[in-house]
Amino acid sequence: MFDVFEIDVDADAGSHSGWFAGSGAIVLRFLNLGSIPLMLWMTVFALAWWLTSVLWHEPAANKDNWIALQTMLRNGAVALLATKLITQPMTRLVDRTELRRSKDLVGEICTISTSEVTDQHGQAKLPTEGAPLLLHVRSRSGVLTRGDRARIVDYDPATLIYYVEKVQQPHVEEEVKA
């Protein structure tokens, strides 16, 4: 509904320059942070921290800020370990579908959905297992009209535009032979 807390991390596993792909990710992967949804993980962590704080309460912590900080850190560490143990079985339940990247769509066949596609404007629908993707497309070789089938031949990441060319429709006689 709201995309307020949307985080997009694009890390190449082969690259050693990104923190997420490097040694810092070991801790995150150990805690199952990349394996299950963040909000589910945070819910389990918050409940574990709360339960640890309730069960392991020390009245002396209320008198001194330094002891209160130590108690809070201890309870947080115990909650992290409990969260790891609780979320480990959940990793098998999470869908491991690989997301398709924009550049991976080059070569796919789409259908023009606007009245026309020119070198200035146009959209096309690309069928998927779910809802079709609506892509902003441009044509470098003439005008395409609604319903035409087109092949994605290029992608410009700076403008987020796909370039398409018309796919020749087989003639009715060819379809009957096939």
Protein backbone atom coordinates (compact mmCIF):
# COMPACT_ATOMS: atom_id res chain seq x y z
CA MET A 1 0.00 0.00 0.00
CA PHE A 2 2.69 2.49 1.03
CA ASP A 3 6.24 2.33 -0.27
CA VAL A 4 7.67 4.31 2.63
CA PHE A 5 10.15 1.68 3.79
CA GLU A 6 11.11 0.27 0.41
CA ILE A 7 14.79 -0.60 0.31
CA ASP A 8 16.44 -1.55 -2.94
CA VAL A 9 19.84 -3.17 -2.60
CA ASP A 10 21.53 -4.09 -5.85
CA ALA A 11 24.60 -6.13 -4.99
CA ASP A 12 26.58 -8.25 -7.38
CA ALA A 13 27.78 -11.41 -5.65
CA GLY A 14 30.89 -11.44 -7.80
CA SER A 15 31.81 -7.91 -6.79
CA HIS A 16 33.89 -7.35 -3.67
CA SER A 17 33.18 -3.63 -3.57
CA GLY A 18 29.67 -3.84 -2.10
CA TRP A 19 29.30 -4.23 1.66
CA PHE A 20 26.22 -6.43 1.31
CA ALA A 21 28.09 -8.86 -0.92
CA GLY A 22 31.17 -8.78 1.31
CA SER A 23 31.92 -9.79 4.86
CA GLY A 24 29.19 -7.61 6.37
CA ALA A 25 26.55 -9.79 4.77
CA ILE A 26 27.73 -12.86 6.66
CA VAL A 27 26.04 -11.62 9.83
CA LEU A 28 22.85 -10.70 7.96
CA ARG A 29 22.73 -14.08 6.21
CA PHE A 30 23.40 -15.90 9.49
CA LEU A 31 20.41 -14.15 11.06
CA ASN A 32 18.23 -15.08 8.04
CA LEU A 33 17.71 -11.41 7.16
CA GLY A 34 18.04 -12.02 3.43
CA SER A 35 16.00 -15.22 3.49
CA ILE A 36 12.68 -14.19 5.02
CA PRO A 37 10.67 -10.96 4.72
CA LEU A 38 12.05 -8.12 6.83
CA MET A 39 8.75 -7.36 8.58
CA LEU A 40 8.34 -11.00 9.62
CA TRP A 41 11.92 -11.06 10.94
CA MET A 42 11.39 -7.81 12.85
CA THR A 43 8.18 -9.11 14.41
CA VAL A 44 9.89 -12.27 15.67
CA PHE A 45 12.85 -10.21 16.93
CA ALA A 46 10.63 -7.70 18.77
CA LEU A 47 8.64 -10.48 20.44
CA ALA A 48 11.82 -12.33 21.42
CA TRP A 49 13.38 -9.16 22.85
CA TRP A 50 10.22 -8.29 24.76
CA LEU A 51 9.87 -11.82 26.15
CA THR A 52 13.55 -11.91 27.15
CA SER A 53 13.18 -8.54 28.89
CA VAL A 54 10.09 -9.67 30.78
CA LEU A 55 11.52 -13.02 31.87
CA TRP A 56 15.03 -11.77 32.69
CA HIS A 57 14.13 -8.56 34.50
CA GLU A 58 16.58 -7.16 37.05
CA PRO A 59 15.24 -4.46 39.38
CA ALA A 60 18.79 -3.09 39.81
CA ALA A 61 18.79 -2.06 36.14
CA ASN A 62 16.20 0.61 36.93
CA LYS A 63 18.61 2.49 39.22
CA ASP A 64 21.63 2.97 36.99
CA ASN A 65 21.71 3.94 33.31
CA TRP A 66 24.92 1.99 32.65
CA ILE A 67 23.41 -1.24 34.04
CA ALA A 68 20.19 -0.56 32.10
CA LEU A 69 22.21 -0.24 28.87
CA GLN A 70 24.08 -3.47 29.59
CA THR A 71 20.81 -5.25 30.33
CA MET A 72 19.26 -3.94 27.12
CA LEU A 73 22.25 -5.09 25.04
CA ARG A 74 22.22 -8.51 26.72
CA ASN A 75 18.50 -8.93 26.06
CA GLY A 76 19.00 -7.81 22.45
CA ALA A 77 21.77 -10.38 21.93
CA VAL A 78 19.62 -13.14 23.39
CA ALA A 79 16.72 -12.00 21.18
CA LEU A 80 18.97 -12.13 18.08
CA LEU A 81 19.91 -15.71 18.85
CA ALA A 82 16.28 -16.66 19.56
CA THR A 83 15.20 -14.97 16.31
CA LYS A 84 17.77 -17.00 14.37
CA LEU A 85 16.47 -20.24 15.90
CA ILE A 86 12.81 -19.35 15.34
CA THR A 87 13.21 -18.10 11.76
CA GLN A 88 15.49 -20.91 10.55
CA PRO A 89 12.58 -23.32 9.79
CA MET A 90 10.73 -20.47 8.04
CA THR A 91 13.42 -20.19 5.36
CA ARG A 92 12.10 -23.36 3.70
CA LEU A 93 8.63 -21.82 3.37
CA VAL A 94 9.73 -18.68 1.54
CA ASP A 95 9.40 -18.52 -2.25
CA ARG A 96 12.85 -18.56 -3.85
CA THR A 97 11.72 -17.19 -7.22
CA GLU A 98 14.54 -15.36 -8.94
CA LEU A 99 13.56 -11.82 -9.90
CA ARG A 100 14.02 -10.87 -13.53
CA ARG A 101 16.20 -7.87 -14.16
CA SER A 102 15.36 -5.26 -16.78
CA LYS A 103 18.28 -6.22 -19.02
CA ASP A 104 17.12 -9.88 -18.93
CA LEU A 105 13.95 -8.92 -20.84
CA VAL A 106 15.92 -8.23 -24.04
CA GLY A 107 14.86 -10.83 -26.61
CA GLU A 108 11.36 -11.32 -25.14
CA ILE A 109 8.20 -10.88 -27.23
CA CYS A 110 5.67 -8.28 -26.10
CA THR A 111 2.38 -6.87 -27.44
CA ILE A 112 1.90 -3.18 -28.19
CA SER A 113 -0.81 -1.80 -25.89
CA THR A 114 -0.96 1.89 -26.88
CA SER A 115 -2.44 3.17 -30.15
CA GLU A 116 1.07 3.40 -31.58
CA VAL A 117 4.73 3.15 -30.69
CA THR A 118 7.14 5.65 -32.19
CA ASP A 119 10.61 6.89 -31.36
CA GLN A 120 8.96 9.32 -28.89
CA HIS A 121 6.32 7.32 -26.99
CA GLY A 122 4.58 3.99 -26.53
CA GLN A 123 3.88 1.10 -24.18
CA ALA A 124 3.76 -2.66 -24.50
CA LYS A 125 2.63 -5.57 -22.33
CA LEU A 126 4.96 -8.45 -21.59
CA PRO A 127 3.22 -11.61 -20.37
CA THR A 128 4.52 -13.20 -17.15
CA GLU A 129 3.35 -16.00 -14.85
CA GLY A 130 1.28 -13.36 -13.03
CA ALA A 131 0.08 -9.99 -14.22
CA PRO A 132 1.70 -8.71 -17.43
CA LEU A 133 4.45 -6.12 -17.19
CA LEU A 134 3.62 -2.75 -18.73
CA LEU A 135 6.80 -1.44 -20.33
CA HIS A 136 7.70 1.95 -21.77
CA VAL A 137 8.91 1.18 -25.28
CA ARG A 138 10.24 3.05 -28.31
CA SER A 139 10.71 1.99 -31.92
CA ARG A 140 13.78 2.87 -33.96
CA SER A 141 12.38 1.38 -37.16
CA GLY A 142 8.99 2.85 -37.93
CA VAL A 143 5.63 2.98 -36.21
CA LEU A 144 4.03 -0.03 -34.52
CA THR A 145 0.29 -0.11 -33.78
CA ARG A 146 -1.87 -1.62 -31.04
CA GLY A 147 -1.86 -5.41 -31.10
CA ASP A 148 1.43 -5.72 -33.00
CA ARG A 149 3.88 -8.21 -31.58
CA ALA A 150 7.36 -6.84 -30.98
CA ARG A 151 10.70 -8.18 -29.81
CA ILE A 152 12.64 -6.24 -27.18
CA VAL A 153 16.02 -5.51 -28.76
CA ASP A 154 17.63 -3.08 -26.33
CA TYR A 155 17.22 -1.46 -22.91
CA ASP A 156 18.42 1.96 -21.77
CA PRO A 157 18.87 1.96 -17.97
CA ALA A 158 19.30 5.75 -17.87
CA THR A 159 15.81 6.41 -19.25
CA LEU A 160 14.23 3.03 -18.30
CA ILE A 161 13.09 2.64 -21.92
CA TYR A 162 12.97 -0.59 -23.94
CA TYR A 163 13.55 -0.48 -27.67
CA VAL A 164 11.45 -2.85 -29.79
CA GLU A 165 11.17 -4.00 -33.37
CA LYS A 166 8.14 -5.52 -35.03
CA VAL A 167 7.94 -9.29 -35.21
CA GLN A 168 6.58 -10.48 -38.53
CA GLN A 169 3.23 -12.19 -38.00
CA PRO A 170 3.06 -15.58 -39.71
CA HIS A 171 0.63 -15.68 -42.61
CA VAL A 172 -2.58 -17.64 -42.19
CA GLU A 173 -1.37 -20.28 -44.67
CA GLU A 174 1.81 -20.84 -42.63
CA GLU A 175 -0.20 -21.26 -39.42
CA VAL A 176 -2.41 -23.93 -41.03
CA LYS A 177 0.68 -25.92 -42.13
CA ALA A 178 2.21 -25.78 -38.63
